[in-house]
């Protein structure tokens, strides 16, 4: 996965994210022609969407797709993709211990490695 393809792949693999994205940025951008960029998308839309459905655990399929996408990002050879995942999703997630047990159910192997590294960063190791 390459950084310039992340946004389109996200909407393709996790279409539920489109509506919150449109609500958040639709007034500021012509979403057919321009974008807010990957970092605002992941910080302001994907992370909030993820936390909301993690708490409710009512949409198992969406959680599975979303964390499957995160695993694809974690396995990318493009460091911009892995940094996007780590900085916007995983680092903030490890500061929310109430999600820890739930997240373990959905994360793949490479994502778990990154979560472990982010916990070490959090703990100053």
PDB file of N, CA and C in Angstrom:
ATOM      1  N   UNK A   1       0.851  -1.174   0.000  1.00  0.00           N
ATOM      2  CA  UNK A   1       0.000   0.000   0.000  1.00  0.00           C
ATOM      3  C   UNK A   1       0.897   1.237   0.000  1.00  0.00           C
ATOM      4  N   UNK A   2       0.579   2.157  -0.859  1.00  0.00           N
ATOM      5  CA  UNK A   2       1.314   3.413  -0.952  1.00  0.00           C
ATOM      6  C   UNK A   2       0.479   4.537  -0.342  1.00  0.00           C
ATOM      7  N   UNK A   3       1.169   5.534   0.180  1.00  0.00           N
ATOM      8  CA  UNK A   3       0.515   6.641   0.881  1.00  0.00           C
ATOM      9  C   UNK A   3      -0.538   7.331   0.022  1.00  0.00           C
ATOM     10  N   UNK A   4      -0.226   7.556  -1.242  1.00  0.00           N
ATOM     11  CA  UNK A   4      -1.177   8.285  -2.092  1.00  0.00           C
ATOM     12  C   UNK A   4      -2.420   7.464  -2.428  1.00  0.00           C
ATOM     13  N   UNK A   5      -2.450   6.200  -2.072  1.00  0.00           N
ATOM     14  CA  UNK A   5      -3.618   5.350  -2.337  1.00  0.00           C
ATOM     15  C   UNK A   5      -4.446   5.066  -1.079  1.00  0.00           C
ATOM     16  N   UNK A   6      -3.960   5.481   0.077  1.00  0.00           N
ATOM     17  CA  UNK A   6      -4.603   5.136   1.349  1.00  0.00           C
ATOM     18  C   UNK A   6      -6.065   5.568   1.391  1.00  0.00           C
ATOM     19  N   UNK A   7      -6.337   6.804   1.045  1.00  0.00           N
ATOM     20  CA  UNK A   7      -7.698   7.326   1.166  1.00  0.00           C
ATOM     21  C   UNK A   7      -8.673   6.545   0.289  1.00  0.00           C
ATOM     22  N   UNK A   8      -8.343   6.347  -0.963  1.00  0.00           N
ATOM     23  CA  UNK A   8      -9.248   5.615  -1.859  1.00  0.00           C
ATOM     24  C   UNK A   8      -9.441   4.177  -1.401  1.00  0.00           C
ATOM     25  N   UNK A   9      -8.368   3.532  -0.953  1.00  0.00           N
ATOM     26  CA  UNK A   9      -8.485   2.157  -0.465  1.00  0.00           C
ATOM     27  C   UNK A   9      -9.349   2.084   0.786  1.00  0.00           C
ATOM     28  N   UNK A  10      -9.206   3.062   1.664  1.00  0.00           N
ATOM     29  CA  UNK A  10     -10.027   3.098   2.873  1.00  0.00           C
ATOM     30  C   UNK A  10     -11.509   3.135   2.521  1.00  0.00           C
ATOM     31  N   UNK A  11     -11.888   4.044   1.636  1.00  0.00           N
ATOM     32  CA  UNK A  11     -13.300   4.166   1.267  1.00  0.00           C
ATOM     33  C   UNK A  11     -13.802   2.928   0.539  1.00  0.00           C
ATOM     34  N   UNK A  12     -12.920   2.271  -0.184  1.00  0.00           N
ATOM     35  CA  UNK A  12     -13.286   1.043  -0.883  1.00  0.00           C
ATOM     36  C   UNK A  12     -13.495  -0.110   0.100  1.00  0.00           C
ATOM     37  N   UNK A  13     -12.582  -0.243   1.049  1.00  0.00           N
ATOM     38  CA  UNK A  13     -12.609  -1.385   1.973  1.00  0.00           C
ATOM     39  C   UNK A  13     -13.531  -1.169   3.171  1.00  0.00           C
ATOM     40  N   UNK A  14     -13.679   0.101   3.592  1.00  0.00           N
ATOM     41  CA  UNK A  14     -14.522   0.414   4.752  1.00  0.00           C
ATOM     42  C   UNK A  14     -15.459   1.560   4.346  1.00  0.00           C
ATOM     43  N   UNK A  15     -16.449   1.259   3.521  1.00  0.00           N
ATOM     44  CA  UNK A  15     -17.310   2.319   2.986  1.00  0.00           C
ATOM     45  C   UNK A  15     -18.094   3.091   4.047  1.00  0.00           C
ATOM     46  N   UNK A  16     -18.253   2.523   5.230  1.00  0.00           N
ATOM     47  CA  UNK A  16     -18.974   3.203   6.308  1.00  0.00           C
ATOM     48  C   UNK A  16     -18.300   4.507   6.728  1.00  0.00           C
ATOM     49  N   UNK A  17     -17.042   4.665   6.406  1.00  0.00           N
ATOM     50  CA  UNK A  17     -16.294   5.855   6.805  1.00  0.00           C
ATOM     51  C   UNK A  17     -16.637   7.059   5.918  1.00  0.00           C
ATOM     52  N   UNK A  18     -17.189   6.779   4.730  1.00  0.00           N
ATOM     53  CA  UNK A  18     -17.467   7.873   3.803  1.00  0.00           C
ATOM     54  C   UNK A  18     -18.448   8.890   4.389  1.00  0.00           C
ATOM     55  N   UNK A  19     -19.531   8.420   4.977  1.00  0.00           N
ATOM     56  CA  UNK A  19     -20.547   9.342   5.497  1.00  0.00           C
ATOM     57  C   UNK A  19     -19.997  10.278   6.574  1.00  0.00           C
ATOM     58  N   UNK A  20     -19.292   9.772   7.594  1.00  0.00           N
ATOM     59  CA  UNK A  20     -18.713  10.702   8.574  1.00  0.00           C
ATOM     60  C   UNK A  20     -17.679  11.647   7.945  1.00  0.00           C
ATOM     61  N   UNK A  21     -16.951  11.161   6.942  1.00  0.00           N
ATOM     62  CA  UNK A  21     -15.980  11.998   6.229  1.00  0.00           C
ATOM     63  C   UNK A  21     -16.711  13.132   5.510  1.00  0.00           C
ATOM     64  N   UNK A  22     -17.798  12.781   4.848  1.00  0.00           N
ATOM     65  CA  UNK A  22     -18.580  13.775   4.115  1.00  0.00           C
ATOM     66  C   UNK A  22     -19.172  14.807   5.080  1.00  0.00           C
ATOM     67  N   UNK A  23     -19.658  14.347   6.224  1.00  0.00           N
ATOM     68  CA  UNK A  23     -20.214  15.258   7.228  1.00  0.00           C
ATOM     69  C   UNK A  23     -19.155  16.210   7.762  1.00  0.00           C
ATOM     70  N   UNK A  24     -17.962  15.686   8.000  1.00  0.00           N
ATOM     71  CA  UNK A  24     -16.888  16.494   8.595  1.00  0.00           C
ATOM     72  C   UNK A  24     -16.290  17.486   7.602  1.00  0.00           C
ATOM     73  N   UNK A  25     -16.043  17.053   6.374  1.00  0.00           N
ATOM     74  CA  UNK A  25     -15.295  17.881   5.429  1.00  0.00           C
ATOM     75  C   UNK A  25     -16.085  18.337   4.206  1.00  0.00           C
ATOM     76  N   UNK A  26     -17.306  17.880   4.046  1.00  0.00           N
ATOM     77  CA  UNK A  26     -18.089  18.194   2.857  1.00  0.00           C
ATOM     78  C   UNK A  26     -18.369  19.669   2.652  1.00  0.00           C
ATOM     79  N   UNK A  27     -18.469  20.432   3.721  1.00  0.00           N
ATOM     80  CA  UNK A  27     -18.725  21.860   3.593  1.00  0.00           C
ATOM     81  C   UNK A  27     -17.463  22.639   3.213  1.00  0.00           C
ATOM     82  N   UNK A  28     -16.302  22.073   3.511  1.00  0.00           N
ATOM     83  CA  UNK A  28     -15.044  22.776   3.259  1.00  0.00           C
ATOM     84  C   UNK A  28     -14.375  22.375   1.955  1.00  0.00           C
ATOM     85  N   UNK A  29     -14.735  21.224   1.416  1.00  0.00           N
ATOM     86  CA  UNK A  29     -14.069  20.699   0.227  1.00  0.00           C
ATOM     87  C   UNK A  29     -15.088  20.201  -0.789  1.00  0.00           C
ATOM     88  N   UNK A  30     -14.733  20.293  -2.042  1.00  0.00           N
ATOM     89  CA  UNK A  30     -15.477  19.612  -3.097  1.00  0.00           C
ATOM     90  C   UNK A  30     -14.911  18.200  -3.117  1.00  0.00           C
ATOM     91  N   UNK A  31     -15.553  17.276  -2.418  1.00  0.00           N
ATOM     92  CA  UNK A  31     -14.979  15.954  -2.180  1.00  0.00           C
ATOM     93  C   UNK A  31     -14.804  15.134  -3.448  1.00  0.00           C
ATOM     94  N   UNK A  32     -15.453  15.535  -4.524  1.00  0.00           N
ATOM     95  CA  UNK A  32     -15.239  14.862  -5.794  1.00  0.00           C
ATOM     96  C   UNK A  32     -13.933  15.274  -6.451  1.00  0.00           C
ATOM     97  N   UNK A  33     -13.413  16.438  -6.066  1.00  0.00           N
ATOM     98  CA  UNK A  33     -12.217  16.969  -6.728  1.00  0.00           C
ATOM     99  C   UNK A  33     -11.037  17.187  -5.795  1.00  0.00           C
ATOM    100  N   UNK A  34     -11.291  17.302  -4.497  1.00  0.00           N
ATOM    101  CA  UNK A  34     -10.196  17.567  -3.563  1.00  0.00           C
ATOM    102  C   UNK A  34     -10.434  16.825  -2.262  1.00  0.00           C
ATOM    103  N   UNK A  35      -9.431  16.870  -1.401  1.00  0.00           N
ATOM    104  CA  UNK A  35      -9.512  16.116  -0.156  1.00  0.00           C
ATOM    105  C   UNK A  35      -8.934  16.921   0.990  1.00  0.00           C
ATOM    106  N   UNK A  36      -9.293  16.523   2.182  1.00  0.00           N
ATOM    107  CA  UNK A  36      -8.747  17.140   3.391  1.00  0.00           C
ATOM    108  C   UNK A  36      -7.316  16.683   3.637  1.00  0.00           C
ATOM    109  N   UNK A  37      -6.929  15.576   3.029  1.00  0.00           N
ATOM    110  CA  UNK A  37      -5.619  14.979   3.285  1.00  0.00           C
ATOM    111  C   UNK A  37      -5.774  13.790   4.210  1.00  0.00           C
ATOM    112  N   UNK A  38      -4.747  12.964   4.213  1.00  0.00           N
ATOM    113  CA  UNK A  38      -4.823  11.715   4.967  1.00  0.00           C
ATOM    114  C   UNK A  38      -4.814  11.927   6.476  1.00  0.00           C
ATOM    115  N   UNK A  39      -3.959  12.825   6.967  1.00  0.00           N
ATOM    116  CA  UNK A  39      -3.886  13.000   8.419  1.00  0.00           C
ATOM    117  C   UNK A  39      -5.192  13.532   9.005  1.00  0.00           C
ATOM    118  N   UNK A  40      -5.796  14.581   8.439  1.00  0.00           N
ATOM    119  CA  UNK A  40      -7.096  15.005   8.985  1.00  0.00           C
ATOM    120  C   UNK A  40      -8.172  13.917   8.863  1.00  0.00           C
ATOM    121  N   UNK A  41      -8.161  13.178   7.764  1.00  0.00           N
ATOM    122  CA  UNK A  41      -9.123  12.087   7.598  1.00  0.00           C
ATOM    123  C   UNK A  41      -8.984  11.078   8.732  1.00  0.00           C
ATOM    124  N   UNK A  42      -7.762  10.651   9.011  1.00  0.00           N
ATOM    125  CA  UNK A  42      -7.560   9.630  10.036  1.00  0.00           C
ATOM    126  C   UNK A  42      -7.719  10.197  11.444  1.00  0.00           C
ATOM    127  N   UNK A  43      -7.268  11.428  11.684  1.00  0.00           N
ATOM    128  CA  UNK A  43      -7.383  12.013  13.022  1.00  0.00           C
ATOM    129  C   UNK A  43      -8.817  12.394  13.372  1.00  0.00           C
ATOM    130  N   UNK A  44      -9.510  12.995  12.420  1.00  0.00           N
ATOM    131  CA  UNK A  44     -10.824  13.567  12.716  1.00  0.00           C
ATOM    132  C   UNK A  44     -11.996  12.660  12.371  1.00  0.00           C
ATOM    133  N   UNK A  45     -11.781  11.683  11.512  1.00  0.00           N
ATOM    134  CA  UNK A  45     -12.899  10.842  11.080  1.00  0.00           C
ATOM    135  C   UNK A  45     -12.681   9.383  11.459  1.00  0.00           C
ATOM    136  N   UNK A  46     -11.614   8.789  10.979  1.00  0.00           N
ATOM    137  CA  UNK A  46     -11.404   7.350  11.185  1.00  0.00           C
ATOM    138  C   UNK A  46     -11.259   7.022  12.666  1.00  0.00           C
ATOM    139  N   UNK A  47     -10.438   7.789  13.385  1.00  0.00           N
ATOM    140  CA  UNK A  47     -10.249   7.501  14.812  1.00  0.00           C
ATOM    141  C   UNK A  47     -11.563   7.637  15.578  1.00  0.00           C
ATOM    142  N   UNK A  48     -12.320   8.697  15.317  1.00  0.00           N
ATOM    143  CA  UNK A  48     -13.586   8.885  16.023  1.00  0.00           C
ATOM    144  C   UNK A  48     -14.591   7.789  15.679  1.00  0.00           C
ATOM    145  N   UNK A  49     -14.639   7.424  14.411  1.00  0.00           N
ATOM    146  CA  UNK A  49     -15.520   6.333  13.977  1.00  0.00           C
ATOM    147  C   UNK A  49     -15.123   5.031  14.684  1.00  0.00           C
ATOM    148  N   UNK A  50     -13.825   4.740  14.694  1.00  0.00           N
ATOM    149  CA  UNK A  50     -13.327   3.523  15.322  1.00  0.00           C
ATOM    150  C   UNK A  50     -13.690   3.480  16.805  1.00  0.00           C
ATOM    151  N   UNK A  51     -13.452   4.566  17.527  1.00  0.00           N
ATOM    152  CA  UNK A  51     -13.743   4.581  18.964  1.00  0.00           C
ATOM    153  C   UNK A  51     -15.232   4.400  19.228  1.00  0.00           C
ATOM    154  N   UNK A  52     -16.054   5.021  18.399  1.00  0.00           N
ATOM    155  CA  UNK A  52     -17.500   4.909  18.568  1.00  0.00           C
ATOM    156  C   UNK A  52     -17.959   3.463  18.386  1.00  0.00           C
ATOM    157  N   UNK A  53     -17.489   2.804  17.329  1.00  0.00           N
ATOM    158  CA  UNK A  53     -17.968   1.433  17.110  1.00  0.00           C
ATOM    159  C   UNK A  53     -17.278   0.432  18.037  1.00  0.00           C
ATOM    160  N   UNK A  54     -16.090   0.760  18.517  1.00  0.00           N
ATOM    161  CA  UNK A  54     -15.453  -0.114  19.508  1.00  0.00           C
ATOM    162  C   UNK A  54     -16.269  -0.135  20.794  1.00  0.00           C
ATOM    163  N   UNK A  55     -16.705   1.027  21.234  1.00  0.00           N
ATOM    164  CA  UNK A  55     -17.486   1.092  22.468  1.00  0.00           C
ATOM    165  C   UNK A  55     -18.803   0.344  22.346  1.00  0.00           C
ATOM    166  N   UNK A  56     -19.474   0.508  21.242  1.00  0.00           N
ATOM    167  CA  UNK A  56     -20.779  -0.128  21.085  1.00  0.00           C
ATOM    168  C   UNK A  56     -20.656  -1.601  20.711  1.00  0.00           C
ATOM    169  N   UNK A  57     -19.598  -1.952  19.999  1.00  0.00           N
ATOM    170  CA  UNK A  57     -19.369  -3.307  19.491  1.00  0.00           C
ATOM    171  C   UNK A  57     -20.615  -3.867  18.798  1.00  0.00           C
ATOM    172  N   UNK A  58     -21.371  -2.980  18.148  1.00  0.00           N
ATOM    173  CA  UNK A  58     -22.589  -3.415  17.481  1.00  0.00           C
ATOM    174  C   UNK A  58     -22.358  -3.729  16.014  1.00  0.00           C
ATOM    175  N   UNK A  59     -21.229  -3.332  15.472  1.00  0.00           N
ATOM    176  CA  UNK A  59     -20.986  -3.573  14.057  1.00  0.00           C
ATOM    177  C   UNK A  59     -19.692  -4.367  13.898  1.00  0.00           C
ATOM    178  N   UNK A  60     -19.787  -5.636  14.201  1.00  0.00           N
ATOM    179  CA  UNK A  60     -18.643  -6.552  14.160  1.00  0.00           C
ATOM    180  C   UNK A  60     -17.983  -6.580  12.776  1.00  0.00           C
ATOM    181  N   UNK A  61     -18.804  -6.571  11.742  1.00  0.00           N
ATOM    182  CA  UNK A  61     -18.258  -6.622  10.378  1.00  0.00           C
ATOM    183  C   UNK A  61     -17.455  -5.371  10.053  1.00  0.00           C
ATOM    184  N   UNK A  62     -17.957  -4.212  10.451  1.00  0.00           N
ATOM    185  CA  UNK A  62     -17.232  -2.964  10.197  1.00  0.00           C
ATOM    186  C   UNK A  62     -15.921  -2.942  10.983  1.00  0.00           C
ATOM    187  N   UNK A  63     -15.951  -3.399  12.225  1.00  0.00           N
ATOM    188  CA  UNK A  63     -14.718  -3.456  13.026  1.00  0.00           C
ATOM    189  C   UNK A  63     -13.699  -4.391  12.389  1.00  0.00           C
ATOM    190  N   UNK A  64     -14.161  -5.524  11.922  1.00  0.00           N
ATOM    191  CA  UNK A  64     -13.268  -6.482  11.278  1.00  0.00           C
ATOM    192  C   UNK A  64     -12.662  -5.887  10.012  1.00  0.00           C
ATOM    193  N   UNK A  65     -13.477  -5.214   9.210  1.00  0.00           N
ATOM    194  CA  UNK A  65     -12.955  -4.569   7.995  1.00  0.00           C
ATOM    195  C   UNK A  65     -11.978  -3.449   8.330  1.00  0.00           C
ATOM    196  N   UNK A  66     -12.333  -2.630   9.316  1.00  0.00           N
ATOM    197  CA  UNK A  66     -11.480  -1.504   9.686  1.00  0.00           C
ATOM    198  C   UNK A  66     -10.125  -1.984  10.202  1.00  0.00           C
ATOM    199  N   UNK A  67     -10.134  -2.953  11.105  1.00  0.00           N
ATOM    200  CA  UNK A  67      -8.869  -3.451  11.633  1.00  0.00           C
ATOM    201  C   UNK A  67      -8.107  -4.285  10.607  1.00  0.00           C
ATOM    202  N   UNK A  68      -8.815  -4.898   9.684  1.00  0.00           N
ATOM    203  CA  UNK A  68      -8.146  -5.553   8.562  1.00  0.00           C
ATOM    204  C   UNK A  68      -7.407  -4.532   7.709  1.00  0.00           C
ATOM    205  N   UNK A  69      -8.029  -3.384   7.516  1.00  0.00           N
ATOM    206  CA  UNK A  69      -7.381  -2.303   6.770  1.00  0.00           C
ATOM    207  C   UNK A  69      -6.157  -1.784   7.543  1.00  0.00           C
ATOM    208  N   UNK A  70      -6.298  -1.640   8.848  1.00  0.00           N
ATOM    209  CA  UNK A  70      -5.151  -1.216   9.659  1.00  0.00           C
ATOM    210  C   UNK A  70      -3.999  -2.219   9.536  1.00  0.00           C
ATOM    211  N   UNK A  71      -4.330  -3.500   9.487  1.00  0.00           N
ATOM    212  CA  UNK A  71      -3.285  -4.521   9.337  1.00  0.00           C
ATOM    213  C   UNK A  71      -2.588  -4.367   7.986  1.00  0.00           C
ATOM    214  N   UNK A  72      -3.361  -4.093   6.943  1.00  0.00           N
ATOM    215  CA  UNK A  72      -2.748  -3.827   5.632  1.00  0.00           C
ATOM    216  C   UNK A  72      -1.812  -2.633   5.710  1.00  0.00           C
ATOM    217  N   UNK A  73      -2.247  -1.590   6.390  1.00  0.00           N
ATOM    218  CA  UNK A  73      -1.398  -0.409   6.560  1.00  0.00           C
ATOM    219  C   UNK A  73      -0.117  -0.777   7.319  1.00  0.00           C
ATOM    220  N   UNK A  74      -0.261  -1.566   8.375  1.00  0.00           N
ATOM    221  CA  UNK A  74       0.888  -1.952   9.193  1.00  0.00           C
ATOM    222  C   UNK A  74       1.895  -2.765   8.394  1.00  0.00           C
ATOM    223  N   UNK A  75       1.434  -3.499   7.427  1.00  0.00           N
ATOM    224  CA  UNK A  75       2.310  -4.342   6.610  1.00  0.00           C
ATOM    225  C   UNK A  75       2.887  -3.616   5.391  1.00  0.00           C
ATOM    226  N   UNK A  76       2.519  -2.378   5.217  1.00  0.00           N
ATOM    227  CA  UNK A  76       2.999  -1.610   4.072  1.00  0.00           C
ATOM    228  C   UNK A  76       4.504  -1.379   4.162  1.00  0.00           C
ATOM    229  N   UNK A  77       5.145  -1.368   3.014  1.00  0.00           N
ATOM    230  CA  UNK A  77       6.570  -1.051   2.970  1.00  0.00           C
ATOM    231  C   UNK A  77       6.800   0.456   2.880  1.00  0.00           C
ATOM    232  N   UNK A  78       5.719   1.226   2.762  1.00  0.00           N
ATOM    233  CA  UNK A  78       5.808   2.680   2.674  1.00  0.00           C
ATOM    234  C   UNK A  78       5.789   3.256   4.095  1.00  0.00           C
ATOM    235  N   UNK A  79       6.890   3.846   4.548  1.00  0.00           N
ATOM    236  CA  UNK A  79       6.924   4.364   5.922  1.00  0.00           C
ATOM    237  C   UNK A  79       5.901   5.468   6.181  1.00  0.00           C
ATOM    238  N   UNK A  80       5.464   6.178   5.156  1.00  0.00           N
ATOM    239  CA  UNK A  80       4.430   7.201   5.357  1.00  0.00           C
ATOM    240  C   UNK A  80       3.105   6.558   5.760  1.00  0.00           C
ATOM    241  N   UNK A  81       2.839   5.379   5.236  1.00  0.00           N
ATOM    242  CA  UNK A  81       1.603   4.659   5.570  1.00  0.00           C
ATOM    243  C   UNK A  81       1.668   4.161   7.012  1.00  0.00           C
ATOM    244  N   UNK A  82       2.778   3.560   7.386  1.00  0.00           N
ATOM    245  CA  UNK A  82       2.888   3.040   8.757  1.00  0.00           C
ATOM    246  C   UNK A  82       2.914   4.184   9.773  1.00  0.00           C
ATOM    247  N   UNK A  83       3.543   5.291   9.433  1.00  0.00           N
ATOM    248  CA  UNK A  83       3.529   6.449  10.334  1.00  0.00           C
ATOM    249  C   UNK A  83       2.128   7.002  10.506  1.00  0.00           C
ATOM    250  N   UNK A  84       1.374   7.064   9.418  1.00  0.00           N
ATOM    251  CA  UNK A  84      -0.011   7.527   9.493  1.00  0.00           C
ATOM    252  C   UNK A  84      -0.799   6.663  10.477  1.00  0.00           C
ATOM    253  N   UNK A  85      -0.674   5.367  10.353  1.00  0.00           N
ATOM    254  CA  UNK A  85      -1.370   4.448  11.254  1.00  0.00           C
ATOM    255  C   UNK A  85      -0.913   4.636  12.696  1.00  0.00           C
ATOM    256  N   UNK A  86       0.374   4.663  12.901  1.00  0.00           N
ATOM    257  CA  UNK A  86       0.904   4.739  14.265  1.00  0.00           C
ATOM    258  C   UNK A  86       0.543   6.056  14.946  1.00  0.00           C
ATOM    259  N   UNK A  87       0.694   7.163  14.231  1.00  0.00           N
ATOM    260  CA  UNK A  87       0.495   8.469  14.854  1.00  0.00           C
ATOM    261  C   UNK A  87      -0.969   8.857  15.031  1.00  0.00           C
ATOM    262  N   UNK A  88      -1.821   8.456  14.112  1.00  0.00           N
ATOM    263  CA  UNK A  88      -3.210   8.910  14.183  1.00  0.00           C
ATOM    264  C   UNK A  88      -4.161   7.911  14.834  1.00  0.00           C
ATOM    265  N   UNK A  89      -3.814   6.636  14.798  1.00  0.00           N
ATOM    266  CA  UNK A  89      -4.719   5.606  15.325  1.00  0.00           C
ATOM    267  C   UNK A  89      -4.122   4.899  16.539  1.00  0.00           C
ATOM    268  N   UNK A  90      -2.964   4.306  16.385  1.00  0.00           N
ATOM    269  CA  UNK A  90      -2.440   3.428  17.440  1.00  0.00           C
ATOM    270  C   UNK A  90      -1.906   4.181  18.643  1.00  0.00           C
ATOM    271  N   UNK A  91      -1.148   5.234  18.440  1.00  0.00           N
ATOM    272  CA  UNK A  91      -0.606   5.964  19.592  1.00  0.00           C
ATOM    273  C   UNK A  91      -1.733   6.518  20.455  1.00  0.00           C
ATOM    274  N   UNK A  92      -2.718   7.209  19.885  1.00  0.00           N
ATOM    275  CA  UNK A  92      -3.808   7.690  20.739  1.00  0.00           C
ATOM    276  C   UNK A  92      -4.604   6.544  21.386  1.00  0.00           C
ATOM    277  N   UNK A  93      -4.701   5.422  20.698  1.00  0.00           N
ATOM    278  CA  UNK A  93      -5.454   4.279  21.218  1.00  0.00           C
ATOM    279  C   UNK A  93      -4.815   3.703  22.477  1.00  0.00           C
ATOM    280  N   UNK A  94      -3.500   3.648  22.548  1.00  0.00           N
ATOM    281  CA  UNK A  94      -2.854   3.059  23.729  1.00  0.00           C
ATOM    282  C   UNK A  94      -2.997   3.955  24.961  1.00  0.00           C
ATOM    283  N   UNK A  95      -3.401   5.201  24.755  1.00  0.00           N
ATOM    284  CA  UNK A  95      -3.664   6.079  25.891  1.00  0.00           C
ATOM    285  C   UNK A  95      -5.101   5.943  26.390  1.00  0.00           C
ATOM    286  N   UNK A  96      -5.843   5.034  25.800  1.00  0.00           N
ATOM    287  CA  UNK A  96      -7.222   4.776  26.212  1.00  0.00           C
ATOM    288  C   UNK A  96      -7.319   3.316  26.663  1.00  0.00           C
ATOM    289  N   UNK A  97      -6.903   3.017  27.891  1.00  0.00           N
ATOM    290  CA  UNK A  97      -6.841   1.628  28.346  1.00  0.00           C
ATOM    291  C   UNK A  97      -8.181   0.903  28.309  1.00  0.00           C
ATOM    292  N   UNK A  98      -9.285   1.633  28.356  1.00  0.00           N
ATOM    293  CA  UNK A  98     -10.594   0.982  28.330  1.00  0.00           C
ATOM    294  C   UNK A  98     -10.850   0.246  27.015  1.00  0.00           C
ATOM    295  N   UNK A  99     -10.063   0.570  25.978  1.00  0.00           N
ATOM    296  CA  UNK A  99     -10.231  -0.097  24.690  1.00  0.00           C
ATOM    297  C   UNK A  99      -9.277  -1.280  24.512  1.00  0.00           C
ATOM    298  N   UNK A 100      -8.324  -1.402  25.391  1.00  0.00           N
ATOM    299  CA  UNK A 100      -7.243  -2.371  25.234  1.00  0.00           C
ATOM    300  C   UNK A 100      -7.734  -3.796  24.988  1.00  0.00           C
ATOM    301  N   UNK A 101      -8.595  -4.289  25.848  1.00  0.00           N
ATOM    302  CA  UNK A 101      -9.096  -5.659  25.746  1.00  0.00           C
ATOM    303  C   UNK A 101      -9.881  -5.857  24.456  1.00  0.00           C
ATOM    304  N   UNK A 102     -10.694  -4.877  24.117  1.00  0.00           N
ATOM    305  CA  UNK A 102     -11.518  -4.972  22.916  1.00  0.00           C
ATOM    306  C   UNK A 102     -10.644  -5.003  21.666  1.00  0.00           C
ATOM    307  N   UNK A 103      -9.654  -4.131  21.629  1.00  0.00           N
ATOM    308  CA  UNK A 103      -8.796  -3.998  20.449  1.00  0.00           C
ATOM    309  C   UNK A 103      -8.042  -5.297  20.169  1.00  0.00           C
ATOM    310  N   UNK A 104      -7.618  -5.995  21.199  1.00  0.00           N
ATOM    311  CA  UNK A 104      -6.865  -7.244  21.013  1.00  0.00           C
ATOM    312  C   UNK A 104      -7.638  -8.252  20.168  1.00  0.00           C
ATOM    313  N   UNK A 105      -8.944  -8.197  20.254  1.00  0.00           N
ATOM    314  CA  UNK A 105      -9.795  -9.121  19.510  1.00  0.00           C
ATOM    315  C   UNK A 105      -9.709  -8.879  18.003  1.00  0.00           C
ATOM    316  N   UNK A 106      -9.424  -7.656  17.592  1.00  0.00           N
ATOM    317  CA  UNK A 106      -9.489  -7.292  16.175  1.00  0.00           C
ATOM    318  C   UNK A 106      -8.134  -7.090  15.505  1.00  0.00           C
ATOM    319  N   UNK A 107      -7.090  -6.875  16.272  1.00  0.00           N
ATOM    320  CA  UNK A 107      -5.803  -6.555  15.660  1.00  0.00           C
ATOM    321  C   UNK A 107      -5.115  -7.793  15.113  1.00  0.00           C
ATOM    322  N   UNK A 108      -4.434  -7.588  13.984  1.00  0.00           N
ATOM    323  CA  UNK A 108      -3.612  -8.632  13.394  1.00  0.00           C
ATOM    324  C   UNK A 108      -2.210  -8.580  13.972  1.00  0.00           C
ATOM    325  N   UNK A 109      -1.372  -9.495  13.550  1.00  0.00           N
ATOM    326  CA  UNK A 109      -0.032  -9.632  14.111  1.00  0.00           C
ATOM    327  C   UNK A 109       0.850  -8.398  14.005  1.00  0.00           C
ATOM    328  N   UNK A 110       0.918  -7.792  12.840  1.00  0.00           N
ATOM    329  CA  UNK A 110       1.781  -6.626  12.658  1.00  0.00           C
ATOM    330  C   UNK A 110       1.228  -5.423  13.415  1.00  0.00           C
ATOM    331  N   UNK A 111      -0.091  -5.290  13.424  1.00  0.00           N
ATOM    332  CA  UNK A 111      -0.709  -4.192  14.180  1.00  0.00           C
ATOM    333  C   UNK A 111      -0.429  -4.367  15.659  1.00  0.00           C
ATOM    334  N   UNK A 112      -0.496  -5.597  16.158  1.00  0.00           N
ATOM    335  CA  UNK A 112      -0.176  -5.858  17.576  1.00  0.00           C
ATOM    336  C   UNK A 112       1.259  -5.458  17.906  1.00  0.00           C
ATOM    337  N   UNK A 113       2.174  -5.745  16.987  1.00  0.00           N
ATOM    338  CA  UNK A 113       3.571  -5.329  17.196  1.00  0.00           C
ATOM    339  C   UNK A 113       3.660  -3.816  17.347  1.00  0.00           C
ATOM    340  N   UNK A 114       2.956  -3.105  16.482  1.00  0.00           N
ATOM    341  CA  UNK A 114       2.972  -1.643  16.552  1.00  0.00           C
ATOM    342  C   UNK A 114       2.335  -1.147  17.843  1.00  0.00           C
ATOM    343  N   UNK A 115       1.236  -1.777  18.266  1.00  0.00           N
ATOM    344  CA  UNK A 115       0.587  -1.392  19.518  1.00  0.00           C
ATOM    345  C   UNK A 115       1.556  -1.593  20.676  1.00  0.00           C
ATOM    346  N   UNK A 116       2.269  -2.708  20.678  1.00  0.00           N
ATOM    347  CA  UNK A 116       3.259  -2.976  21.722  1.00  0.00           C
ATOM    348  C   UNK A 116       4.331  -1.879  21.736  1.00  0.00           C
ATOM    349  N   UNK A 117       4.829  -1.508  20.570  1.00  0.00           N
ATOM    350  CA  UNK A 117       5.846  -0.448  20.472  1.00  0.00           C
ATOM    351  C   UNK A 117       5.289   0.874  20.982  1.00  0.00           C
ATOM    352  N   UNK A 118       4.045   1.176  20.641  1.00  0.00           N
ATOM    353  CA  UNK A 118       3.435   2.430  21.104  1.00  0.00           C
ATOM    354  C   UNK A 118       3.225   2.425  22.613  1.00  0.00           C
ATOM    355  N   UNK A 119       2.924   1.272  23.177  1.00  0.00           N
ATOM    356  CA  UNK A 119       2.817   1.180  24.642  1.00  0.00           C
ATOM    357  C   UNK A 119       4.160   1.462  25.287  1.00  0.00           C
ATOM    358  N   UNK A 120       5.227   0.925  24.721  1.00  0.00           N
ATOM    359  CA  UNK A 120       6.562   1.184  25.239  1.00  0.00           C
ATOM    360  C   UNK A 120       6.896   2.667  25.152  1.00  0.00           C
ATOM    361  N   UNK A 121       6.530   3.296  24.048  1.00  0.00           N
ATOM    362  CA  UNK A 121       6.731   4.743  23.889  1.00  0.00           C
ATOM    363  C   UNK A 121       5.974   5.480  24.979  1.00  0.00           C
ATOM    364  N   UNK A 122       4.719   5.077  25.196  1.00  0.00           N
ATOM    365  CA  UNK A 122       3.877   5.701  26.220  1.00  0.00           C
ATOM    366  C   UNK A 122       4.520   5.579  27.597  1.00  0.00           C
ATOM    367  N   UNK A 123       5.065   4.396  27.882  1.00  0.00           N
ATOM    368  CA  UNK A 123       5.624   4.121  29.198  1.00  0.00           C
ATOM    369  C   UNK A 123       7.061   4.612  29.364  1.00  0.00           C
ATOM    370  N   UNK A 124       7.602   5.234  28.317  1.00  0.00           N
ATOM    371  CA  UNK A 124       8.955   5.790  28.393  1.00  0.00           C
ATOM    372  C   UNK A 124      10.058   4.772  28.341  1.00  0.00           C
ATOM    373  N   UNK A 125       9.817   3.633  27.709  1.00  0.00           N
ATOM    374  CA  UNK A 125      10.859   2.590  27.619  1.00  0.00           C
ATOM    375  C   UNK A 125      11.609   2.683  26.333  1.00  0.00           C
TER     376      UNK A 125
END
